[in-house]
Amino acid sequence: MKDNWNTAFEAVIKSEGGYVNDPHDHGGETNLGVTKKAWADYIGRPVADGEMKALTKDVVQPFYKKMYWDKVHGDELPGGLDYAVFDFAVNAGPGRAAKFLQQAVGVTADGAIGPGTMAAVGKADPKHALDQFSAAKTAFYKGLVDRDPTQQKFFKGWMARVDHVQQAADTMLA
């Protein structure tokens, strides 16, 4: 839903936090939820020393809009579902978020949100789709830890985020 962009962005930024460079985090050097690789791709050049630490919320907002919100068609999704899909796109990639949305509304999960996906979203019960989407996220995070036990240290935070996003999205359902 177009009206939810700013609310969703603020919520995601709050969840993402500040600068981190944890050697066990597969995202690597990150600030405000933006990985160094993703930022380099966005700006079209290597990231200079200290540039990641200098990122601000205002600087990264257009990045989030273009690279995540727009890719998952946030403006077109129902309120609540838009935030949940956007948040997961930030955390696990827009393609995976699209596939989980497609699974939640019962269409082929190809990772490309098009007219067929949007038609199914329009026909779906938003609360049911949100619940299915959240369940898929939970299974995804459990699978990550099962495949790579070094990720266990992040599991509690991932689950807390799934719960927080679900609760916030429930209040936004259109």
Protein backbone atom coordinates (compact mmCIF):
# COMPACT_ATOMS: atom_id res chain seq x y z
CA MET A 1 0.00 0.00 0.00
CA LYS A 2 1.50 3.28 -1.13
CA ASP A 3 0.59 5.02 2.13
CA ASN A 4 2.62 2.53 4.18
CA TRP A 5 6.06 3.18 2.63
CA ASN A 6 7.32 5.59 5.28
CA THR A 7 5.89 3.56 8.16
CA ALA A 8 7.37 0.35 6.78
CA PHE A 9 10.75 1.99 6.15
CA GLU A 10 10.93 3.38 9.68
CA ALA A 11 10.04 -0.01 11.16
CA VAL A 12 12.65 -1.83 9.08
CA ILE A 13 15.38 0.69 9.95
CA LYS A 14 14.55 0.27 13.63
CA SER A 15 14.81 -3.52 13.28
CA GLU A 16 18.05 -3.36 11.32
CA GLY A 17 19.93 -1.17 13.77
CA GLY A 18 23.32 0.41 13.18
CA TYR A 19 26.79 -0.57 12.09
CA VAL A 20 27.86 -4.23 12.41
CA ASN A 21 30.80 -6.21 11.09
CA ASP A 22 30.32 -9.67 12.60
CA PRO A 23 32.54 -12.31 10.96
CA HIS A 24 29.78 -14.92 11.41
CA ASP A 25 27.15 -12.81 9.68
CA HIS A 26 26.95 -13.88 6.03
CA GLY A 27 26.00 -10.30 5.13
CA GLY A 28 29.41 -9.02 6.16
CA GLU A 29 29.93 -5.35 6.95
CA THR A 30 26.52 -3.76 7.34
CA ASN A 31 25.06 -0.44 8.43
CA LEU A 32 21.37 0.33 8.83
CA GLY A 33 20.69 -3.08 7.32
CA VAL A 34 22.61 -2.29 4.13
CA THR A 35 25.41 -4.74 3.32
CA LYS A 36 28.63 -3.51 1.78
CA LYS A 37 28.03 -5.64 -1.32
CA ALA A 38 24.48 -4.37 -1.78
CA TRP A 39 25.62 -0.76 -1.34
CA ALA A 40 28.43 -1.21 -3.89
CA ASP A 41 25.94 -2.69 -6.36
CA TYR A 42 23.57 0.22 -5.78
CA ILE A 43 26.16 3.00 -6.13
CA GLY A 44 27.95 1.27 -9.01
CA ARG A 45 31.46 1.30 -7.56
CA PRO A 46 33.52 -0.21 -4.74
CA VAL A 47 32.72 1.14 -1.29
CA ALA A 48 35.44 3.40 0.10
CA ASP A 49 36.93 2.82 3.56
CA GLY A 50 34.68 4.32 6.20
CA GLU A 51 31.80 4.82 3.79
CA MET A 52 29.64 2.11 5.35
CA LYS A 53 30.02 3.61 8.82
CA ALA A 54 29.00 7.02 7.46
CA LEU A 55 25.64 5.91 6.02
CA THR A 56 22.60 7.70 7.40
CA LYS A 57 18.91 6.89 7.34
CA ASP A 58 18.24 9.64 4.79
CA VAL A 59 21.02 8.36 2.51
CA VAL A 60 19.79 4.76 2.54
CA GLN A 61 16.05 5.48 2.19
CA PRO A 62 16.14 5.68 -1.65
CA PHE A 63 18.18 2.45 -1.69
CA TYR A 64 15.51 0.64 0.36
CA LYS A 65 12.74 1.98 -1.86
CA LYS A 66 14.38 0.95 -5.12
CA MET A 67 16.05 -2.30 -4.09
CA TYR A 68 13.36 -3.80 -1.86
CA TRP A 69 10.00 -2.00 -1.63
CA ASP A 70 9.63 -1.47 -5.38
CA LYS A 71 10.93 -4.96 -6.23
CA VAL A 72 8.22 -6.59 -4.10
CA HIS A 73 5.54 -4.17 -5.38
CA GLY A 74 5.01 -2.71 -1.91
CA ASP A 75 2.78 0.07 -3.24
CA GLU A 76 0.37 -2.53 -4.64
CA LEU A 77 0.23 -4.97 -1.73
CA PRO A 78 -2.45 -4.76 0.96
CA GLY A 79 -1.57 -2.91 4.14
CA GLY A 80 0.30 -5.14 6.57
CA LEU A 81 1.31 -7.64 3.94
CA ASP A 82 3.31 -4.87 2.26
CA TYR A 83 5.37 -4.30 5.40
CA ALA A 84 5.91 -8.01 6.09
CA VAL A 85 7.06 -8.77 2.55
CA PHE A 86 9.29 -5.67 2.44
CA ASP A 87 10.88 -6.50 5.80
CA PHE A 88 11.68 -10.04 4.68
CA ALA A 89 13.01 -8.79 1.33
CA VAL A 90 15.49 -6.67 3.27
CA ASN A 91 16.49 -9.61 5.44
CA ALA A 92 16.52 -12.45 2.88
CA GLY A 93 16.31 -10.87 -0.57
CA PRO A 94 13.42 -9.69 -2.73
CA GLY A 95 13.34 -12.90 -4.78
CA ARG A 96 12.86 -15.09 -1.72
CA ALA A 97 10.29 -12.66 -0.29
CA ALA A 98 8.39 -12.81 -3.59
CA LYS A 99 8.45 -16.61 -3.58
CA PHE A 100 7.14 -16.77 -0.01
CA LEU A 101 4.37 -14.30 -0.90
CA GLN A 102 3.47 -16.44 -3.92
CA GLN A 103 3.35 -19.57 -1.77
CA ALA A 104 1.17 -17.74 0.75
CA VAL A 105 -1.41 -16.89 -1.93
CA GLY A 106 -1.22 -20.22 -3.75
CA VAL A 107 0.50 -19.39 -7.03
CA THR A 108 3.67 -20.75 -8.62
CA ALA A 109 6.62 -19.52 -6.59
CA ASP A 110 8.91 -18.22 -9.32
CA GLY A 111 10.12 -15.12 -7.48
CA ALA A 112 8.70 -12.69 -10.04
CA ILE A 113 5.70 -10.71 -8.85
CA GLY A 114 3.53 -10.10 -11.88
CA PRO A 115 -0.14 -9.84 -12.78
CA GLY A 116 -0.90 -13.44 -11.75
CA THR A 117 0.62 -12.96 -8.31
CA MET A 118 -1.12 -9.64 -7.82
CA ALA A 119 -4.47 -11.12 -8.88
CA ALA A 120 -4.03 -13.92 -6.34
CA VAL A 121 -3.04 -11.40 -3.65
CA GLY A 122 -6.18 -9.42 -4.45
CA LYS A 123 -8.36 -12.50 -3.99
CA ALA A 124 -6.58 -13.78 -0.87
CA ASP A 125 -7.61 -13.11 2.69
CA PRO A 126 -4.84 -10.72 3.85
CA LYS A 127 -4.71 -12.18 7.38
CA HIS A 128 -4.40 -15.74 6.07
CA ALA A 129 -1.72 -14.69 3.57
CA LEU A 130 0.19 -12.88 6.32
CA ASP A 131 0.01 -15.90 8.62
CA GLN A 132 1.22 -18.22 5.82
CA PHE A 133 4.01 -15.80 4.96
CA SER A 134 5.18 -15.63 8.58
CA ALA A 135 5.11 -19.42 8.89
CA ALA A 136 7.31 -19.72 5.79
CA LYS A 137 9.78 -17.23 7.27
CA THR A 138 9.98 -19.23 10.49
CA ALA A 139 10.67 -22.43 8.54
CA PHE A 140 13.30 -20.62 6.47
CA TYR A 141 15.23 -19.45 9.54
CA LYS A 142 15.03 -22.89 11.15
CA GLY A 143 16.41 -24.36 7.93
CA LEU A 144 19.29 -21.88 7.92
CA VAL A 145 20.33 -22.97 11.40
CA ASP A 146 19.89 -26.66 10.56
CA ARG A 147 22.18 -26.28 7.53
CA ASP A 148 24.70 -24.01 9.26
CA PRO A 149 24.85 -24.25 13.06
CA THR A 150 27.10 -21.15 13.22
CA GLN A 151 23.91 -19.17 12.52
CA GLN A 152 22.30 -20.33 15.79
CA LYS A 153 23.49 -17.13 17.48
CA PHE A 154 21.13 -15.15 15.21
CA PHE A 155 18.10 -17.44 15.57
CA LYS A 156 16.52 -15.86 18.64
CA GLY A 157 16.72 -12.43 17.00
CA TRP A 158 15.23 -13.75 13.75
CA MET A 159 12.32 -15.30 15.61
CA ALA A 160 11.75 -12.12 17.61
CA ARG A 161 11.68 -10.20 14.33
CA VAL A 162 9.18 -12.62 12.77
CA ASP A 163 6.92 -12.14 15.80
CA HIS A 164 7.35 -8.36 15.88
CA VAL A 165 6.67 -7.97 12.17
CA GLN A 166 3.64 -10.26 12.39
CA GLN A 167 2.18 -8.24 15.26
CA ALA A 168 2.83 -4.89 13.59
CA ALA A 169 1.54 -6.12 10.22
CA ASP A 170 -1.63 -7.44 11.89
CA THR A 171 -2.40 -3.88 13.03
CA MET A 172 -1.86 -2.57 9.48
CA LEU A 173 -4.08 -5.05 7.66
CA ALA A 174 -6.25 -3.23 5.17
